Amino acid sequence: EERRSARVVGVETVEFLGHWDGVIEYGAPLRRDIARAIRRHKPQTLLTGNFQLTWQDGSLNMADHRAVGLAVLDAARDAGNRWIFTELLEEGMEPWDGVKMVFVTGSASSSHAVDVTDFIDKGVASLDEHRAYIENLGGGFDPDTFLRMNLNAIGEPFGCDYAVAFEVITI
């Protein structure tokens, strides 16, 4: 379902790093695996989720979200350092220090937004592909209502119908 969801919004490559949902832990193995992917793909910008303890409304953030968000930030720097994860050099992965920014979604410190009004239908269709996830949420979760309500609340202050907000961290 991850690959189907990605295809809906035009993403062609989806990689799984072998860390299991619900029990992802922050640490060197996660940082190394993300640094490996960064060295392979050589991006200038990364996108991750909120790594803070809570969401903007004060509710507790998921442990996995916190671990991955923080690991992405650290791996962005690790990827360019040849003295960290030297095993990546042995795999032929040369350091890549080209990551300049990390965009963090769901952050209470968001200062930038992207108008996604023209893409809201694709976003809903993409989220709707996560059938196993949605069916296990219970309570009649509706992807359309969820996305439109949340992205409209972000879009209004930025002067558009629907938006995604980001904290931008410079590396």
N, C-alpha and C. Protein backbone atom coordinates (compact mmCIF):
# COMPACT_ATOMS: atom_id res chain seq x y z
N GLU A 1 0.82 -1.20 0.00
CA GLU A 1 0.00 0.00 0.00
C GLU A 1 0.86 1.26 0.00
N GLU A 2 2.07 1.18 0.53
CA GLU A 2 2.97 2.34 0.50
C GLU A 2 3.32 2.71 -0.94
N ARG A 3 3.63 1.72 -1.74
CA ARG A 3 4.00 1.99 -3.13
C ARG A 3 2.81 2.49 -3.93
N ARG A 4 1.64 1.93 -3.70
CA ARG A 4 0.44 2.40 -4.41
C ARG A 4 0.15 3.86 -4.03
N SER A 5 0.25 4.15 -2.76
CA SER A 5 0.02 5.52 -2.28
C SER A 5 1.00 6.49 -2.92
N ALA A 6 2.25 6.10 -3.00
CA ALA A 6 3.27 6.96 -3.59
C ALA A 6 3.01 7.19 -5.08
N ARG A 7 2.61 6.14 -5.80
CA ARG A 7 2.35 6.28 -7.24
C ARG A 7 1.25 7.29 -7.51
N VAL A 8 0.26 7.36 -6.64
CA VAL A 8 -0.85 8.29 -6.83
C VAL A 8 -0.36 9.74 -6.92
N VAL A 9 0.69 10.06 -6.18
CA VAL A 9 1.21 11.44 -6.17
C VAL A 9 2.49 11.58 -6.99
N GLY A 10 2.80 10.57 -7.82
CA GLY A 10 3.91 10.69 -8.74
C GLY A 10 5.27 10.27 -8.22
N VAL A 11 5.33 9.64 -7.07
CA VAL A 11 6.60 9.17 -6.53
C VAL A 11 6.91 7.82 -7.13
N GLU A 12 8.10 7.69 -7.71
CA GLU A 12 8.47 6.45 -8.39
C GLU A 12 9.31 5.51 -7.52
N THR A 13 10.06 6.07 -6.58
CA THR A 13 10.98 5.25 -5.78
C THR A 13 10.56 5.28 -4.32
N VAL A 14 10.32 4.12 -3.76
CA VAL A 14 10.01 3.97 -2.34
C VAL A 14 10.99 2.94 -1.79
N GLU A 15 11.73 3.31 -0.77
CA GLU A 15 12.68 2.39 -0.15
C GLU A 15 12.27 2.13 1.29
N PHE A 16 12.41 0.89 1.71
CA PHE A 16 12.16 0.52 3.09
C PHE A 16 13.51 0.22 3.73
N LEU A 17 13.77 0.80 4.88
CA LEU A 17 15.07 0.67 5.52
C LEU A 17 15.15 -0.47 6.53
N GLY A 18 14.06 -1.21 6.71
CA GLY A 18 14.09 -2.37 7.59
C GLY A 18 13.86 -2.07 9.06
N HIS A 19 13.34 -0.90 9.37
CA HIS A 19 13.00 -0.55 10.75
C HIS A 19 11.48 -0.68 10.87
N TRP A 20 11.03 -1.45 11.85
CA TRP A 20 9.61 -1.81 11.94
C TRP A 20 8.77 -0.72 12.58
N ASP A 21 7.64 -0.44 11.93
CA ASP A 21 6.68 0.54 12.41
C ASP A 21 6.27 0.23 13.84
N GLY A 22 6.25 1.24 14.66
CA GLY A 22 5.82 1.09 16.05
C GLY A 22 6.95 0.85 17.03
N VAL A 23 8.11 0.42 16.53
CA VAL A 23 9.23 0.15 17.43
C VAL A 23 10.54 0.76 16.92
N ILE A 24 10.43 1.78 16.08
CA ILE A 24 11.63 2.46 15.58
C ILE A 24 12.29 3.19 16.74
N GLU A 25 13.60 3.02 16.83
CA GLU A 25 14.36 3.66 17.90
C GLU A 25 15.40 4.60 17.32
N TYR A 26 15.54 5.76 17.95
CA TYR A 26 16.61 6.68 17.56
C TYR A 26 17.94 6.06 17.95
N GLY A 27 18.91 6.18 17.08
CA GLY A 27 20.25 5.70 17.39
C GLY A 27 21.08 5.57 16.13
N ALA A 28 22.30 5.11 16.33
CA ALA A 28 23.25 5.00 15.23
C ALA A 28 22.75 4.13 14.07
N PRO A 29 22.10 2.98 14.31
CA PRO A 29 21.64 2.18 13.16
C PRO A 29 20.64 2.93 12.27
N LEU A 30 19.72 3.65 12.87
CA LEU A 30 18.75 4.41 12.07
C LEU A 30 19.45 5.55 11.34
N ARG A 31 20.31 6.28 12.04
CA ARG A 31 21.06 7.37 11.40
C ARG A 31 21.89 6.85 10.23
N ARG A 32 22.55 5.71 10.42
CA ARG A 32 23.39 5.12 9.37
C ARG A 32 22.55 4.77 8.14
N ASP A 33 21.40 4.16 8.36
CA ASP A 33 20.56 3.74 7.23
C ASP A 33 20.03 4.95 6.46
N ILE A 34 19.69 6.01 7.17
CA ILE A 34 19.22 7.23 6.49
C ILE A 34 20.40 7.90 5.78
N ALA A 35 21.56 7.96 6.44
CA ALA A 35 22.75 8.54 5.80
C ALA A 35 23.10 7.78 4.52
N ARG A 36 22.96 6.46 4.54
CA ARG A 36 23.21 5.64 3.35
C ARG A 36 22.28 6.08 2.22
N ALA A 37 21.01 6.24 2.51
CA ALA A 37 20.04 6.66 1.49
C ALA A 37 20.38 8.06 0.98
N ILE A 38 20.80 8.94 1.86
CA ILE A 38 21.18 10.29 1.44
C ILE A 38 22.38 10.23 0.51
N ARG A 39 23.39 9.44 0.86
CA ARG A 39 24.57 9.30 -0.01
C ARG A 39 24.19 8.71 -1.37
N ARG A 40 23.24 7.79 -1.38
CA ARG A 40 22.83 7.16 -2.63
C ARG A 40 22.07 8.14 -3.53
N HIS A 41 21.15 8.92 -2.95
CA HIS A 41 20.26 9.77 -3.75
C HIS A 41 20.77 11.20 -3.93
N LYS A 42 21.64 11.66 -3.03
CA LYS A 42 22.26 12.98 -3.10
C LYS A 42 21.25 14.14 -3.19
N PRO A 43 20.33 14.21 -2.26
CA PRO A 43 19.36 15.32 -2.28
C PRO A 43 19.97 16.60 -1.70
N GLN A 44 19.37 17.72 -2.05
CA GLN A 44 19.74 19.00 -1.44
C GLN A 44 18.78 19.36 -0.31
N THR A 45 17.59 18.81 -0.37
CA THR A 45 16.55 19.09 0.61
C THR A 45 15.93 17.79 1.07
N LEU A 46 15.67 17.69 2.37
CA LEU A 46 14.99 16.53 2.94
C LEU A 46 13.68 16.98 3.55
N LEU A 47 12.75 16.07 3.64
CA LEU A 47 11.46 16.30 4.27
C LEU A 47 11.27 15.26 5.35
N THR A 48 10.90 15.71 6.55
CA THR A 48 10.64 14.78 7.64
C THR A 48 9.48 15.29 8.46
N GLY A 49 9.07 14.49 9.43
CA GLY A 49 7.96 14.87 10.30
C GLY A 49 8.44 15.46 11.61
N ASN A 50 7.49 15.95 12.35
CA ASN A 50 7.72 16.57 13.65
C ASN A 50 8.49 15.61 14.56
N PHE A 51 9.59 16.10 15.13
CA PHE A 51 10.41 15.31 16.04
C PHE A 51 10.27 15.77 17.49
N GLN A 52 9.36 16.70 17.72
CA GLN A 52 9.15 17.21 19.08
C GLN A 52 8.30 16.24 19.90
N LEU A 53 8.34 16.41 21.21
CA LEU A 53 7.59 15.54 22.12
C LEU A 53 6.09 15.63 21.87
N THR A 54 5.61 16.84 21.51
CA THR A 54 4.17 17.03 21.32
C THR A 54 3.88 17.67 19.97
N TRP A 55 2.59 17.60 19.60
CA TRP A 55 2.06 18.30 18.44
C TRP A 55 1.70 19.72 18.88
N GLN A 56 1.30 20.55 17.94
CA GLN A 56 0.96 21.94 18.23
C GLN A 56 -0.15 22.06 19.28
N ASP A 57 -1.06 21.11 19.29
CA ASP A 57 -2.19 21.18 20.23
C ASP A 57 -1.83 20.64 21.61
N GLY A 58 -0.58 20.22 21.80
CA GLY A 58 -0.13 19.72 23.09
C GLY A 58 -0.26 18.21 23.25
N SER A 59 -0.86 17.53 22.28
CA SER A 59 -0.99 16.07 22.39
C SER A 59 0.35 15.40 22.09
N LEU A 60 0.54 14.24 22.68
CA LEU A 60 1.80 13.51 22.57
C LEU A 60 2.04 13.03 21.15
N ASN A 61 3.22 13.29 20.64
CA ASN A 61 3.64 12.80 19.33
C ASN A 61 4.04 11.33 19.46
N MET A 62 3.98 10.59 18.37
CA MET A 62 4.35 9.18 18.36
C MET A 62 5.86 9.02 18.53
N ALA A 63 6.28 7.98 19.23
CA ALA A 63 7.70 7.71 19.45
C ALA A 63 8.43 7.54 18.11
N ASP A 64 7.82 6.83 17.17
CA ASP A 64 8.44 6.63 15.86
C ASP A 64 8.68 7.95 15.15
N HIS A 65 7.69 8.84 15.20
CA HIS A 65 7.82 10.14 14.54
C HIS A 65 8.99 10.92 15.12
N ARG A 66 9.09 10.91 16.44
CA ARG A 66 10.18 11.64 17.10
C ARG A 66 11.53 11.05 16.71
N ALA A 67 11.64 9.73 16.74
CA ALA A 67 12.91 9.07 16.43
C ALA A 67 13.33 9.34 14.99
N VAL A 68 12.42 9.17 14.05
CA VAL A 68 12.76 9.35 12.64
C VAL A 68 13.09 10.81 12.34
N GLY A 69 12.29 11.73 12.85
CA GLY A 69 12.54 13.15 12.58
C GLY A 69 13.92 13.58 13.04
N LEU A 70 14.28 13.22 14.24
CA LEU A 70 15.59 13.58 14.78
C LEU A 70 16.71 12.87 14.02
N ALA A 71 16.50 11.61 13.68
CA ALA A 71 17.52 10.86 12.94
C ALA A 71 17.74 11.45 11.55
N VAL A 72 16.70 11.94 10.91
CA VAL A 72 16.85 12.57 9.60
C VAL A 72 17.74 13.80 9.72
N LEU A 73 17.49 14.62 10.74
CA LEU A 73 18.33 15.81 10.92
C LEU A 73 19.79 15.43 11.11
N ASP A 74 20.05 14.48 11.99
CA ASP A 74 21.43 14.08 12.26
C ASP A 74 22.06 13.37 11.06
N ALA A 75 21.30 12.55 10.36
CA ALA A 75 21.83 11.83 9.20
C ALA A 75 22.15 12.78 8.05
N ALA A 76 21.46 13.91 7.97
CA ALA A 76 21.77 14.90 6.94
C ALA A 76 23.21 15.37 7.09
N ARG A 77 23.63 15.55 8.31
CA ARG A 77 25.02 15.95 8.58
C ARG A 77 25.96 14.73 8.51
N ASP A 78 25.52 13.59 9.06
CA ASP A 78 26.34 12.37 9.04
C ASP A 78 26.72 11.97 7.62
N ALA A 79 25.80 12.16 6.68
CA ALA A 79 26.03 11.72 5.30
C ALA A 79 27.26 12.38 4.68
N GLY A 80 27.59 13.56 5.14
CA GLY A 80 28.75 14.27 4.59
C GLY A 80 30.03 14.08 5.36
N ASN A 81 29.99 13.27 6.41
CA ASN A 81 31.14 13.10 7.28
C ASN A 81 31.77 11.71 7.05
N ARG A 82 32.98 11.69 6.50
CA ARG A 82 33.60 10.41 6.19
C ARG A 82 34.05 9.65 7.42
N TRP A 83 34.09 10.27 8.58
CA TRP A 83 34.56 9.62 9.81
C TRP A 83 33.44 8.95 10.58
N ILE A 84 32.21 9.21 10.17
CA ILE A 84 31.05 8.56 10.80
C ILE A 84 30.54 7.50 9.82
N PHE A 85 30.25 6.34 10.32
CA PHE A 85 29.74 5.23 9.49
C PHE A 85 30.73 4.90 8.37
N THR A 86 31.96 4.59 8.75
CA THR A 86 32.99 4.26 7.77
C THR A 86 32.64 3.03 6.94
N GLU A 87 31.73 2.21 7.48
CA GLU A 87 31.29 1.04 6.70
C GLU A 87 30.60 1.45 5.40
N LEU A 88 30.05 2.66 5.36
CA LEU A 88 29.43 3.14 4.12
C LEU A 88 30.49 3.37 3.05
N LEU A 89 31.68 3.79 3.45
CA LEU A 89 32.78 3.93 2.49
C LEU A 89 33.14 2.58 1.90
N GLU A 90 33.13 1.56 2.75
CA GLU A 90 33.44 0.20 2.28
C GLU A 90 32.39 -0.30 1.30
N GLU A 91 31.16 0.25 1.40
CA GLU A 91 30.09 -0.10 0.47
C GLU A 91 30.14 0.74 -0.81
N GLY A 92 31.14 1.63 -0.89
CA GLY A 92 31.25 2.49 -2.07
C GLY A 92 30.43 3.76 -1.98
N MET A 93 29.94 4.06 -0.79
CA MET A 93 29.12 5.25 -0.59
C MET A 93 29.99 6.41 -0.11
N GLU A 94 30.39 7.27 -1.04
CA GLU A 94 31.20 8.42 -0.70
C GLU A 94 30.35 9.45 0.06
N PRO A 95 30.99 10.23 0.93
CA PRO A 95 30.25 11.25 1.67
C PRO A 95 29.53 12.23 0.74
N TRP A 96 28.36 12.69 1.20
CA TRP A 96 27.56 13.68 0.46
C TRP A 96 27.18 14.77 1.45
N ASP A 97 27.74 15.95 1.26
CA ASP A 97 27.42 17.06 2.17
C ASP A 97 26.54 18.10 1.49
N GLY A 98 25.79 17.64 0.51
CA GLY A 98 24.96 18.55 -0.28
C GLY A 98 23.59 18.88 0.31
N VAL A 99 23.20 18.23 1.41
CA VAL A 99 21.91 18.58 2.01
C VAL A 99 22.03 19.96 2.64
N LYS A 100 21.19 20.88 2.20
CA LYS A 100 21.24 22.27 2.67
C LYS A 100 20.11 22.61 3.63
N MET A 101 18.97 21.92 3.46
CA MET A 101 17.81 22.23 4.29
C MET A 101 17.01 20.97 4.59
N VAL A 102 16.35 20.98 5.75
CA VAL A 102 15.39 19.94 6.10
C VAL A 102 14.07 20.63 6.38
N PHE A 103 13.02 20.22 5.70
CA PHE A 103 11.68 20.75 5.92
C PHE A 103 10.97 19.81 6.88
N VAL A 104 10.44 20.35 7.96
CA VAL A 104 9.80 19.55 9.01
C VAL A 104 8.31 19.85 9.01
N THR A 105 7.49 18.84 8.74
CA THR A 105 6.04 19.01 8.78
C THR A 105 5.54 18.83 10.21
N GLY A 106 4.40 19.43 10.51
CA GLY A 106 3.77 19.23 11.81
C GLY A 106 4.47 19.94 12.95
N SER A 107 5.38 20.84 12.64
CA SER A 107 6.15 21.52 13.67
C SER A 107 5.40 22.74 14.22
N ALA A 108 5.51 22.94 15.53
CA ALA A 108 4.94 24.14 16.14
C ALA A 108 5.72 25.38 15.72
N SER A 109 6.89 25.19 15.13
CA SER A 109 7.72 26.32 14.70
C SER A 109 7.65 26.54 13.18
N SER A 110 6.58 26.10 12.55
CA SER A 110 6.45 26.27 11.11
C SER A 110 6.42 27.75 10.74
N SER A 111 7.18 28.08 9.71
CA SER A 111 7.23 29.47 9.25
C SER A 111 7.00 29.58 7.75
N HIS A 112 6.91 28.46 7.05
CA HIS A 112 6.73 28.42 5.62
C HIS A 112 5.56 27.49 5.30
N ALA A 113 4.95 27.73 4.15
CA ALA A 113 3.86 26.85 3.72
C ALA A 113 3.86 26.73 2.20
N VAL A 114 3.33 25.62 1.73
CA VAL A 114 3.16 25.38 0.31
C VAL A 114 1.68 25.21 0.03
N ASP A 115 1.17 25.99 -0.91
CA ASP A 115 -0.22 25.90 -1.33
C ASP A 115 -0.41 24.58 -2.09
N VAL A 116 -1.25 23.70 -1.55
CA VAL A 116 -1.50 22.40 -2.19
C VAL A 116 -2.93 22.28 -2.69
N THR A 117 -3.59 23.43 -2.85
CA THR A 117 -5.00 23.43 -3.27
C THR A 117 -5.21 22.64 -4.55
N ASP A 118 -4.32 22.81 -5.51
CA ASP A 118 -4.48 22.12 -6.80
C ASP A 118 -4.21 20.62 -6.71
N PHE A 119 -3.71 20.16 -5.57
CA PHE A 119 -3.32 18.76 -5.43
C PHE A 119 -4.07 18.02 -4.33
N ILE A 120 -5.06 18.67 -3.73
CA ILE A 120 -5.75 18.08 -2.58
C ILE A 120 -6.41 16.74 -2.94
N ASP A 121 -6.97 16.64 -4.13
CA ASP A 121 -7.63 15.39 -4.52
C ASP A 121 -6.62 14.24 -4.63
N LYS A 122 -5.43 14.53 -5.15
CA LYS A 122 -4.39 13.50 -5.21
C LYS A 122 -3.94 13.11 -3.80
N GLY A 123 -3.86 14.08 -2.91
CA GLY A 123 -3.48 13.80 -1.53
C GLY A 123 -4.47 12.88 -0.86
N VAL A 124 -5.75 13.15 -1.06
CA VAL A 124 -6.80 12.31 -0.49
C VAL A 124 -6.71 10.90 -1.08
N ALA A 125 -6.55 10.82 -2.39
CA ALA A 125 -6.46 9.51 -3.05
C ALA A 125 -5.24 8.74 -2.55
N SER A 126 -4.14 9.43 -2.34
CA SER A 126 -2.93 8.78 -1.84
C SER A 126 -3.15 8.24 -0.43
N LEU A 127 -3.70 9.07 0.45
CA LEU A 127 -3.97 8.62 1.82
C LEU A 127 -4.96 7.46 1.82
N ASP A 128 -5.91 7.50 0.93
CA ASP A 128 -6.93 6.44 0.86
C ASP A 128 -6.32 5.08 0.49
N GLU A 129 -5.15 5.06 -0.13
CA GLU A 129 -4.48 3.81 -0.47
C GLU A 129 -3.95 3.07 0.76
N HIS A 130 -3.85 3.74 1.88
CA HIS A 130 -3.35 3.14 3.12
C HIS A 130 -4.48 2.38 3.83
N ARG A 131 -5.05 1.41 3.14
CA ARG A 131 -6.24 0.71 3.63
C ARG A 131 -6.01 0.01 4.97
N ALA A 132 -4.95 -0.74 5.11
CA ALA A 132 -4.72 -1.48 6.37
C ALA A 132 -4.60 -0.50 7.53
N TYR A 133 -3.90 0.60 7.32
CA TYR A 133 -3.74 1.62 8.36
C TYR A 133 -5.10 2.22 8.73
N ILE A 134 -5.84 2.64 7.71
CA ILE A 134 -7.14 3.28 7.93
C ILE A 134 -8.11 2.34 8.62
N GLU A 135 -8.17 1.10 8.17
CA GLU A 135 -9.10 0.13 8.76
C GLU A 135 -8.78 -0.17 10.21
N ASN A 136 -7.52 -0.02 10.60
CA ASN A 136 -7.15 -0.28 11.99
C ASN A 136 -7.24 0.94 12.89
N LEU A 137 -7.53 2.10 12.31
CA LEU A 137 -7.72 3.29 13.14
C LEU A 137 -9.05 3.23 13.89
N GLY A 138 -10.03 2.61 13.25
CA GLY A 138 -11.36 2.54 13.86
C GLY A 138 -12.05 3.90 13.85
N GLY A 139 -13.26 3.93 14.32
CA GLY A 139 -13.99 5.18 14.45
C GLY A 139 -14.39 5.85 13.15
N GLY A 140 -14.40 5.14 12.06
CA GLY A 140 -14.86 5.71 10.80
C GLY A 140 -13.97 6.80 10.25
N PHE A 141 -12.66 6.64 10.32
CA PHE A 141 -11.71 7.62 9.79
C PHE A 141 -11.97 7.85 8.32
N ASP A 142 -12.08 9.11 7.93
CA ASP A 142 -12.32 9.47 6.54
C ASP A 142 -11.15 10.31 6.03
N PRO A 143 -10.35 9.77 5.10
CA PRO A 143 -9.18 10.50 4.60
C PRO A 143 -9.53 11.87 4.01
N ASP A 144 -10.64 11.95 3.30
CA ASP A 144 -11.05 13.21 2.68
C ASP A 144 -11.30 14.29 3.74
N THR A 145 -12.12 13.97 4.73
CA THR A 145 -12.42 14.93 5.79
C THR A 145 -11.16 15.30 6.56
N PHE A 146 -10.35 14.29 6.91
CA PHE A 146 -9.13 14.52 7.68
C PHE A 146 -8.20 15.50 6.96
N LEU A 147 -7.87 15.22 5.70
CA LEU A 147 -6.94 16.09 4.98
C LEU A 147 -7.51 17.47 4.72
N ARG A 148 -8.75 17.53 4.25
CA ARG A 148 -9.32 18.84 3.92
C ARG A 148 -9.43 19.72 5.17
N MET A 149 -9.86 19.16 6.28
CA MET A 149 -10.00 19.95 7.51
C MET A 149 -8.64 20.46 7.99
N ASN A 150 -7.65 19.56 8.05
CA ASN A 150 -6.33 19.95 8.55
C ASN A 150 -5.59 20.89 7.61
N LEU A 151 -5.63 20.61 6.33
CA LEU A 151 -4.89 21.45 5.38
C LEU A 151 -5.59 22.78 5.15
N ASN A 152 -6.90 22.84 5.35
CA ASN A 152 -7.61 24.11 5.27
C ASN A 152 -7.24 25.00 6.46
N ALA A 153 -7.12 24.40 7.64
CA ALA A 153 -6.74 25.17 8.83
C ALA A 153 -5.34 25.78 8.66
N ILE A 154 -4.46 25.08 7.95
CA ILE A 154 -3.13 25.62 7.68
C ILE A 154 -3.20 26.65 6.55
N GLY A 155 -3.99 26.38 5.53
CA GLY A 155 -4.06 27.27 4.37
C GLY A 155 -4.64 28.63 4.64
N GLU A 156 -5.68 28.70 5.46
CA GLU A 156 -6.35 29.99 5.69
C GLU A 156 -5.41 31.10 6.12
N PRO A 157 -4.55 30.90 7.13
CA PRO A 157 -3.65 32.00 7.51
C PRO A 157 -2.65 32.38 6.42
N PHE A 158 -2.39 31.45 5.48
CA PHE A 158 -1.45 31.74 4.40
C PHE A 158 -2.18 32.22 3.14
N GLY A 159 -3.50 32.40 3.22
CA GLY A 159 -4.26 32.97 2.12
C GLY A 159 -4.59 32.01 1.00
N CYS A 160 -4.71 30.71 1.31
CA CYS A 160 -5.10 29.75 0.29
C CYS A 160 -6.05 28.73 0.91
N ASP A 161 -6.66 27.92 0.06
CA ASP A 161 -7.63 26.95 0.56
C ASP A 161 -6.96 25.83 1.37
N TYR A 162 -5.87 25.27 0.83
CA TYR A 162 -5.21 24.14 1.48
C TYR A 162 -3.70 24.33 1.40
N ALA A 163 -3.02 24.08 2.50
CA ALA A 163 -1.56 24.22 2.51
C ALA A 163 -0.94 23.21 3.48
N VAL A 164 0.34 22.96 3.26
CA VAL A 164 1.16 22.17 4.17
C VAL A 164 2.22 23.12 4.71
N ALA A 165 2.37 23.16 6.03
CA ALA A 165 3.32 24.07 6.66
C ALA A 165 4.60 23.34 7.05
N PHE A 166 5.70 24.08 7.09
CA PHE A 166 7.01 23.51 7.39
C PHE A 166 7.83 24.42 8.30
N GLU A 167 8.60 23.80 9.16
CA GLU A 167 9.72 24.47 9.79
C GLU A 167 10.90 24.18 8.87
N VAL A 168 11.70 25.16 8.58
CA VAL A 168 12.85 24.97 7.70
C VAL A 168 14.12 25.06 8.55
N ILE A 169 14.89 23.98 8.55
CA ILE A 169 16.13 23.92 9.31
C ILE A 169 17.30 23.88 8.32
N THR A 170 18.22 24.80 8.49
CA THR A 170 19.40 24.86 7.63
C THR A 170 20.47 23.94 8.18
N ILE A 171 21.08 23.16 7.29
CA ILE A 171 22.15 22.24 7.68
C ILE A 171 23.49 22.93 7.45
